[in-house]
N, C-alpha and C. Protein backbone atom coordinates (compact mmCIF):
# COMPACT_ATOMS: atom_id res chain seq x y z
N MET A 1 2.44 7.60 -11.86
CA MET A 1 3.15 8.64 -12.55
C MET A 1 4.46 8.04 -13.07
N ALA A 2 4.80 8.31 -14.29
CA ALA A 2 6.01 7.75 -14.89
C ALA A 2 7.10 8.80 -15.00
N ASN A 3 8.33 8.37 -14.91
CA ASN A 3 9.47 9.23 -15.12
C ASN A 3 9.71 9.30 -16.62
N ILE A 4 9.62 10.48 -17.19
CA ILE A 4 9.73 10.65 -18.65
C ILE A 4 11.11 10.26 -19.16
N LEU A 5 12.14 10.47 -18.36
CA LEU A 5 13.50 10.23 -18.82
C LEU A 5 13.97 8.79 -18.66
N GLY A 6 13.19 7.95 -18.03
CA GLY A 6 13.62 6.58 -17.81
C GLY A 6 12.44 5.64 -17.72
N VAL A 7 12.72 4.44 -17.24
CA VAL A 7 11.67 3.44 -17.13
C VAL A 7 11.08 3.37 -15.72
N ASN A 8 11.55 4.21 -14.82
CA ASN A 8 11.03 4.21 -13.46
C ASN A 8 9.66 4.86 -13.42
N TRP A 9 8.81 4.37 -12.52
CA TRP A 9 7.53 5.02 -12.30
C TRP A 9 7.31 5.13 -10.80
N TYR A 10 6.52 6.11 -10.41
CA TYR A 10 6.32 6.41 -9.00
C TYR A 10 4.84 6.44 -8.71
N LEU A 11 4.43 5.74 -7.67
CA LEU A 11 3.03 5.65 -7.30
C LEU A 11 2.60 6.89 -6.52
N ALA A 12 1.58 7.57 -7.01
CA ALA A 12 0.95 8.69 -6.32
C ALA A 12 -0.51 8.71 -6.77
N PHE A 13 -1.44 8.89 -5.83
CA PHE A 13 -2.85 8.95 -6.20
C PHE A 13 -3.63 9.70 -5.14
N ASP A 14 -4.82 10.14 -5.51
CA ASP A 14 -5.73 10.71 -4.53
C ASP A 14 -7.08 10.03 -4.66
N ILE A 15 -7.80 9.99 -3.54
CA ILE A 15 -9.08 9.29 -3.50
C ILE A 15 -9.97 10.00 -2.48
N GLN A 16 -11.25 10.02 -2.77
CA GLN A 16 -12.21 10.57 -1.81
C GLN A 16 -12.98 9.41 -1.19
N ILE A 17 -12.97 9.34 0.14
CA ILE A 17 -13.72 8.33 0.88
C ILE A 17 -14.61 9.09 1.85
N ASP A 18 -15.91 8.88 1.73
CA ASP A 18 -16.90 9.67 2.46
C ASP A 18 -16.67 11.14 2.12
N GLU A 19 -16.47 11.98 3.09
CA GLU A 19 -16.27 13.42 2.84
C GLU A 19 -14.80 13.81 2.90
N ASP A 20 -13.90 12.86 3.04
CA ASP A 20 -12.48 13.16 3.21
C ASP A 20 -11.70 12.86 1.93
N ASN A 21 -10.74 13.74 1.64
CA ASN A 21 -9.85 13.56 0.50
C ASN A 21 -8.50 13.04 1.00
N TYR A 22 -8.04 11.95 0.43
CA TYR A 22 -6.76 11.37 0.79
C TYR A 22 -5.83 11.48 -0.41
N LEU A 23 -4.58 11.83 -0.12
CA LEU A 23 -3.56 11.94 -1.15
C LEU A 23 -2.37 11.11 -0.71
N VAL A 24 -1.89 10.26 -1.60
CA VAL A 24 -0.68 9.47 -1.36
C VAL A 24 0.37 10.02 -2.32
N ARG A 25 1.45 10.55 -1.74
CA ARG A 25 2.48 11.19 -2.57
C ARG A 25 3.82 10.51 -2.33
N TRP A 26 4.45 10.07 -3.41
CA TRP A 26 5.77 9.46 -3.36
C TRP A 26 6.80 10.55 -3.13
N HIS A 27 7.86 10.22 -2.39
CA HIS A 27 8.98 11.15 -2.26
C HIS A 27 10.27 10.36 -2.14
N ALA A 28 11.32 10.97 -2.63
CA ALA A 28 12.63 10.33 -2.64
C ALA A 28 13.26 10.42 -1.26
N LYS A 29 13.87 9.36 -0.84
CA LYS A 29 14.68 9.36 0.39
C LYS A 29 16.06 8.90 -0.04
N ASN A 30 16.58 7.90 0.58
CA ASN A 30 17.89 7.38 0.24
C ASN A 30 17.76 6.38 -0.91
N ARG A 31 18.18 6.77 -2.09
CA ARG A 31 18.04 5.91 -3.27
C ARG A 31 18.90 4.65 -3.20
N LEU A 32 19.92 4.65 -2.35
CA LEU A 32 20.78 3.47 -2.24
C LEU A 32 20.10 2.32 -1.51
N LEU A 33 19.05 2.60 -0.73
CA LEU A 33 18.39 1.55 0.04
C LEU A 33 17.33 0.78 -0.75
N ILE A 34 17.01 1.20 -1.94
CA ILE A 34 16.04 0.54 -2.81
C ILE A 34 14.66 0.45 -2.14
N GLN A 35 14.33 1.38 -1.30
CA GLN A 35 13.03 1.42 -0.65
C GLN A 35 12.24 2.60 -1.21
N GLU A 36 10.95 2.42 -1.39
CA GLU A 36 10.07 3.50 -1.82
C GLU A 36 9.40 4.11 -0.59
N HIS A 37 9.19 5.42 -0.60
CA HIS A 37 8.59 6.12 0.53
C HIS A 37 7.44 6.98 0.06
N TRP A 38 6.38 7.04 0.87
CA TRP A 38 5.22 7.86 0.57
C TRP A 38 4.78 8.61 1.82
N THR A 39 4.15 9.75 1.62
CA THR A 39 3.46 10.46 2.70
C THR A 39 1.97 10.40 2.38
N ILE A 40 1.17 10.15 3.41
CA ILE A 40 -0.29 10.05 3.25
C ILE A 40 -0.92 11.29 3.87
N TYR A 41 -1.74 11.99 3.09
CA TYR A 41 -2.41 13.21 3.54
C TYR A 41 -3.91 12.98 3.61
N LYS A 42 -4.53 13.60 4.60
CA LYS A 42 -5.98 13.60 4.73
C LYS A 42 -6.42 15.06 4.76
N ASN A 43 -7.20 15.45 3.75
CA ASN A 43 -7.67 16.84 3.64
C ASN A 43 -6.52 17.83 3.72
N GLY A 44 -5.39 17.49 3.08
CA GLY A 44 -4.24 18.39 3.00
C GLY A 44 -3.28 18.33 4.17
N VAL A 45 -3.56 17.54 5.19
CA VAL A 45 -2.71 17.43 6.37
C VAL A 45 -2.04 16.06 6.38
N ALA A 46 -0.72 16.03 6.56
CA ALA A 46 0.00 14.75 6.60
C ALA A 46 -0.43 13.96 7.83
N ILE A 47 -0.87 12.72 7.60
CA ILE A 47 -1.31 11.87 8.71
C ILE A 47 -0.45 10.63 8.87
N GLY A 48 0.45 10.37 7.90
CA GLY A 48 1.25 9.17 8.03
C GLY A 48 2.28 8.99 6.94
N GLU A 49 3.04 7.92 7.09
CA GLU A 49 4.10 7.56 6.16
C GLU A 49 3.97 6.08 5.81
N ALA A 50 4.52 5.73 4.67
CA ALA A 50 4.58 4.32 4.26
C ALA A 50 5.90 4.10 3.53
N CYS A 51 6.44 2.89 3.65
CA CYS A 51 7.64 2.56 2.88
C CYS A 51 7.67 1.05 2.62
N THR A 52 8.26 0.69 1.50
CA THR A 52 8.40 -0.72 1.18
C THR A 52 9.41 -1.35 2.14
N SER A 53 9.27 -2.63 2.36
CA SER A 53 10.20 -3.37 3.20
C SER A 53 10.83 -4.46 2.34
N ILE A 54 11.80 -4.04 1.56
CA ILE A 54 12.49 -4.98 0.67
C ILE A 54 13.78 -5.39 1.36
N ASN A 55 13.82 -6.65 1.79
CA ASN A 55 15.01 -7.16 2.47
C ASN A 55 15.21 -8.63 2.08
N ILE A 56 16.28 -9.20 2.57
CA ILE A 56 16.62 -10.58 2.19
C ILE A 56 15.55 -11.56 2.67
N LYS A 57 15.06 -11.37 3.90
CA LYS A 57 14.06 -12.29 4.45
C LYS A 57 12.79 -12.29 3.60
N ASN A 58 12.26 -11.11 3.30
CA ASN A 58 11.03 -11.03 2.50
C ASN A 58 11.26 -11.55 1.08
N SER A 59 12.42 -11.24 0.52
CA SER A 59 12.72 -11.72 -0.84
C SER A 59 12.82 -13.24 -0.88
N ALA A 60 13.46 -13.83 0.13
CA ALA A 60 13.60 -15.29 0.17
C ALA A 60 12.25 -15.98 0.32
N GLN A 61 11.31 -15.33 1.02
CA GLN A 61 9.98 -15.90 1.21
C GLN A 61 9.01 -15.51 0.09
N LEU A 62 9.52 -14.80 -0.93
CA LEU A 62 8.68 -14.28 -2.02
C LEU A 62 7.51 -13.49 -1.45
N LYS A 63 7.82 -12.57 -0.55
CA LYS A 63 6.81 -11.80 0.16
C LYS A 63 6.98 -10.31 -0.13
N GLU A 64 5.88 -9.65 -0.45
CA GLU A 64 5.86 -8.21 -0.70
C GLU A 64 5.29 -7.52 0.54
N VAL A 65 5.97 -6.48 1.03
CA VAL A 65 5.54 -5.82 2.27
C VAL A 65 5.67 -4.31 2.14
N ILE A 66 4.65 -3.60 2.61
CA ILE A 66 4.72 -2.15 2.80
C ILE A 66 4.39 -1.89 4.27
N GLU A 67 5.24 -1.10 4.94
CA GLU A 67 5.04 -0.75 6.34
C GLU A 67 4.41 0.64 6.42
N PHE A 68 3.42 0.78 7.29
CA PHE A 68 2.69 2.03 7.46
C PHE A 68 2.78 2.51 8.90
N ILE A 69 2.87 3.81 9.08
CA ILE A 69 2.64 4.46 10.37
C ILE A 69 1.67 5.59 10.07
N VAL A 70 0.42 5.42 10.49
CA VAL A 70 -0.63 6.40 10.21
C VAL A 70 -1.33 6.73 11.53
N GLU A 71 -1.35 8.02 11.85
CA GLU A 71 -1.98 8.48 13.09
C GLU A 71 -1.51 7.65 14.28
N ASN A 72 -0.19 7.47 14.38
CA ASN A 72 0.47 6.75 15.48
C ASN A 72 0.14 5.26 15.54
N GLU A 73 -0.42 4.69 14.51
CA GLU A 73 -0.68 3.25 14.45
C GLU A 73 0.25 2.62 13.42
N LYS A 74 0.90 1.53 13.81
CA LYS A 74 1.77 0.79 12.89
C LYS A 74 1.00 -0.41 12.36
N PHE A 75 1.07 -0.61 11.04
CA PHE A 75 0.49 -1.79 10.42
C PHE A 75 1.21 -2.05 9.11
N THR A 76 1.01 -3.23 8.54
CA THR A 76 1.66 -3.59 7.29
C THR A 76 0.65 -4.15 6.30
N SER A 77 0.98 -4.00 5.03
CA SER A 77 0.26 -4.73 3.99
C SER A 77 1.25 -5.76 3.45
N SER A 78 0.75 -6.95 3.15
CA SER A 78 1.65 -7.99 2.66
C SER A 78 0.90 -8.95 1.74
N ALA A 79 1.69 -9.60 0.90
CA ALA A 79 1.15 -10.61 -0.01
C ALA A 79 2.29 -11.47 -0.52
N ALA A 80 1.96 -12.67 -0.89
CA ALA A 80 2.93 -13.52 -1.57
C ALA A 80 3.10 -12.98 -2.99
N THR A 81 4.30 -13.02 -3.49
CA THR A 81 4.59 -12.49 -4.82
C THR A 81 3.73 -13.16 -5.89
N ILE A 82 3.43 -14.44 -5.72
CA ILE A 82 2.69 -15.18 -6.74
C ILE A 82 1.18 -15.19 -6.51
N SER A 83 0.70 -14.44 -5.52
CA SER A 83 -0.72 -14.44 -5.19
C SER A 83 -1.32 -13.06 -5.40
N SER A 84 -2.61 -13.00 -5.69
CA SER A 84 -3.27 -11.71 -5.83
C SER A 84 -3.92 -11.25 -4.53
N ALA A 85 -4.00 -12.12 -3.51
CA ALA A 85 -4.61 -11.77 -2.23
C ALA A 85 -3.64 -10.93 -1.40
N ILE A 86 -4.15 -9.83 -0.84
CA ILE A 86 -3.34 -8.90 -0.04
C ILE A 86 -3.99 -8.78 1.34
N THR A 87 -3.17 -8.75 2.39
CA THR A 87 -3.69 -8.56 3.74
C THR A 87 -3.10 -7.31 4.37
N VAL A 88 -3.87 -6.72 5.29
CA VAL A 88 -3.39 -5.64 6.15
C VAL A 88 -3.45 -6.19 7.56
N GLN A 89 -2.36 -6.03 8.31
CA GLN A 89 -2.34 -6.57 9.66
C GLN A 89 -1.60 -5.64 10.61
N ASN A 90 -1.98 -5.71 11.89
CA ASN A 90 -1.26 -5.01 12.94
C ASN A 90 -0.83 -6.03 13.98
N ASN A 91 -0.46 -5.58 15.17
CA ASN A 91 0.01 -6.51 16.21
C ASN A 91 -1.04 -7.53 16.62
N GLN A 92 -2.31 -7.18 16.50
CA GLN A 92 -3.38 -8.09 16.92
C GLN A 92 -3.74 -9.13 15.86
N GLY A 93 -3.35 -8.92 14.62
CA GLY A 93 -3.67 -9.88 13.56
C GLY A 93 -4.15 -9.20 12.30
N ILE A 94 -4.81 -9.97 11.45
CA ILE A 94 -5.30 -9.47 10.16
C ILE A 94 -6.50 -8.56 10.39
N ILE A 95 -6.45 -7.36 9.78
CA ILE A 95 -7.55 -6.40 9.93
C ILE A 95 -8.23 -6.10 8.61
N GLY A 96 -7.69 -6.64 7.52
CA GLY A 96 -8.33 -6.43 6.23
C GLY A 96 -7.69 -7.26 5.14
N THR A 97 -8.48 -7.55 4.11
CA THR A 97 -7.98 -8.29 2.95
C THR A 97 -8.55 -7.71 1.67
N MET A 98 -7.85 -7.96 0.60
CA MET A 98 -8.33 -7.62 -0.73
C MET A 98 -8.03 -8.81 -1.62
N LYS A 99 -9.07 -9.35 -2.28
CA LYS A 99 -8.91 -10.51 -3.15
C LYS A 99 -9.64 -10.26 -4.46
N ARG A 100 -9.19 -10.95 -5.48
CA ARG A 100 -9.90 -10.88 -6.76
C ARG A 100 -11.24 -11.59 -6.64
N ASN A 101 -12.23 -11.03 -7.31
CA ASN A 101 -13.54 -11.67 -7.39
C ASN A 101 -13.39 -12.93 -8.25
N HIS A 102 -14.01 -14.01 -7.85
CA HIS A 102 -13.88 -15.26 -8.60
C HIS A 102 -14.63 -15.24 -9.93
N LEU A 103 -15.64 -14.41 -10.04
CA LEU A 103 -16.44 -14.36 -11.26
C LEU A 103 -15.90 -13.36 -12.28
N ILE A 104 -15.43 -12.22 -11.80
CA ILE A 104 -14.93 -11.17 -12.69
C ILE A 104 -13.50 -10.86 -12.25
N SER A 105 -12.52 -11.20 -13.06
CA SER A 105 -11.12 -11.16 -12.62
C SER A 105 -10.58 -9.76 -12.36
N ASN A 106 -11.11 -8.72 -13.00
CA ASN A 106 -10.56 -7.39 -12.77
C ASN A 106 -11.30 -6.63 -11.67
N VAL A 107 -12.14 -7.31 -10.91
CA VAL A 107 -12.85 -6.72 -9.77
C VAL A 107 -12.25 -7.28 -8.49
N HIS A 108 -11.98 -6.39 -7.52
CA HIS A 108 -11.42 -6.81 -6.24
C HIS A 108 -12.46 -6.64 -5.14
N VAL A 109 -12.40 -7.52 -4.16
CA VAL A 109 -13.32 -7.49 -3.03
C VAL A 109 -12.53 -7.13 -1.77
N PHE A 110 -12.97 -6.07 -1.08
CA PHE A 110 -12.34 -5.63 0.16
C PHE A 110 -13.11 -6.21 1.33
N ASP A 111 -12.40 -6.67 2.35
CA ASP A 111 -13.01 -7.11 3.61
C ASP A 111 -12.21 -6.46 4.73
N ILE A 112 -12.76 -5.39 5.32
CA ILE A 112 -12.08 -4.62 6.35
C ILE A 112 -12.80 -4.83 7.68
N GLN A 113 -12.04 -5.17 8.73
CA GLN A 113 -12.63 -5.44 10.04
C GLN A 113 -13.04 -4.17 10.78
N GLU A 114 -12.32 -3.06 10.56
CA GLU A 114 -12.63 -1.79 11.19
C GLU A 114 -12.89 -0.76 10.10
N GLU A 115 -13.77 0.18 10.38
CA GLU A 115 -14.06 1.21 9.39
C GLU A 115 -13.02 2.32 9.46
N ARG A 116 -11.86 2.04 8.88
CA ARG A 116 -10.79 3.03 8.78
C ARG A 116 -10.36 3.11 7.33
N PRO A 117 -10.59 4.24 6.69
CA PRO A 117 -10.22 4.40 5.28
C PRO A 117 -8.74 4.13 4.99
N VAL A 118 -7.86 4.35 5.97
CA VAL A 118 -6.44 4.13 5.71
C VAL A 118 -6.14 2.66 5.40
N TYR A 119 -6.95 1.74 5.88
CA TYR A 119 -6.75 0.33 5.54
C TYR A 119 -7.09 0.07 4.07
N ILE A 120 -8.13 0.72 3.58
CA ILE A 120 -8.47 0.61 2.15
C ILE A 120 -7.34 1.20 1.31
N ILE A 121 -6.83 2.35 1.74
CA ILE A 121 -5.73 3.00 1.03
C ILE A 121 -4.50 2.09 1.02
N ALA A 122 -4.21 1.44 2.15
CA ALA A 122 -3.06 0.54 2.23
C ALA A 122 -3.20 -0.62 1.25
N LEU A 123 -4.38 -1.20 1.18
CA LEU A 123 -4.62 -2.30 0.23
C LEU A 123 -4.48 -1.83 -1.21
N MET A 124 -5.01 -0.65 -1.50
CA MET A 124 -4.90 -0.11 -2.86
C MET A 124 -3.45 0.21 -3.21
N MET A 125 -2.71 0.81 -2.29
CA MET A 125 -1.30 1.10 -2.54
C MET A 125 -0.54 -0.18 -2.86
N HIS A 126 -0.77 -1.20 -2.06
CA HIS A 126 -0.07 -2.47 -2.27
C HIS A 126 -0.41 -3.05 -3.64
N ALA A 127 -1.68 -3.04 -3.98
CA ALA A 127 -2.10 -3.59 -5.27
C ALA A 127 -1.48 -2.83 -6.43
N TYR A 128 -1.51 -1.51 -6.37
CA TYR A 128 -0.93 -0.72 -7.47
C TYR A 128 0.58 -0.87 -7.53
N TYR A 129 1.25 -0.85 -6.38
CA TYR A 129 2.70 -0.88 -6.40
C TYR A 129 3.25 -2.25 -6.79
N PHE A 130 2.77 -3.30 -6.17
CA PHE A 130 3.34 -4.62 -6.41
C PHE A 130 2.63 -5.41 -7.51
N LYS A 131 1.35 -5.24 -7.68
CA LYS A 131 0.60 -6.12 -8.58
C LYS A 131 0.31 -5.51 -9.95
N SER A 132 0.62 -4.22 -10.14
CA SER A 132 0.27 -3.57 -11.41
C SER A 132 1.47 -3.22 -12.26
N LYS A 133 2.65 -3.63 -11.87
CA LYS A 133 3.85 -3.29 -12.66
C LYS A 133 3.92 -4.12 -13.91
């Protein structure tokens, strides 16, 4: 979604996975912190939050990060700024990846270790927010 009065745009989308409808809605928090915030809904009920982690350490490492807390689970999506590969990880390690298909460049391949739709949503959010600007 784009801001009509300026050049800012805000990521919001909905997706149906199996029989469940998920909605990711951007909302404003403290504009001075330069962080983006979203609420994640499942079938109309808020199940989690996400926010960008833009700080000196990540910027120096050319690393893009979104932190998630969904249904009391903390995990992050991350990628190198110059790479198209995105990972989702928790305390135990990498739980999912999204990479470009080598044959067709506009097709992405998801590899998720657990069947949790929120990991797919996290990868999609990261791709749209950081890789589609």
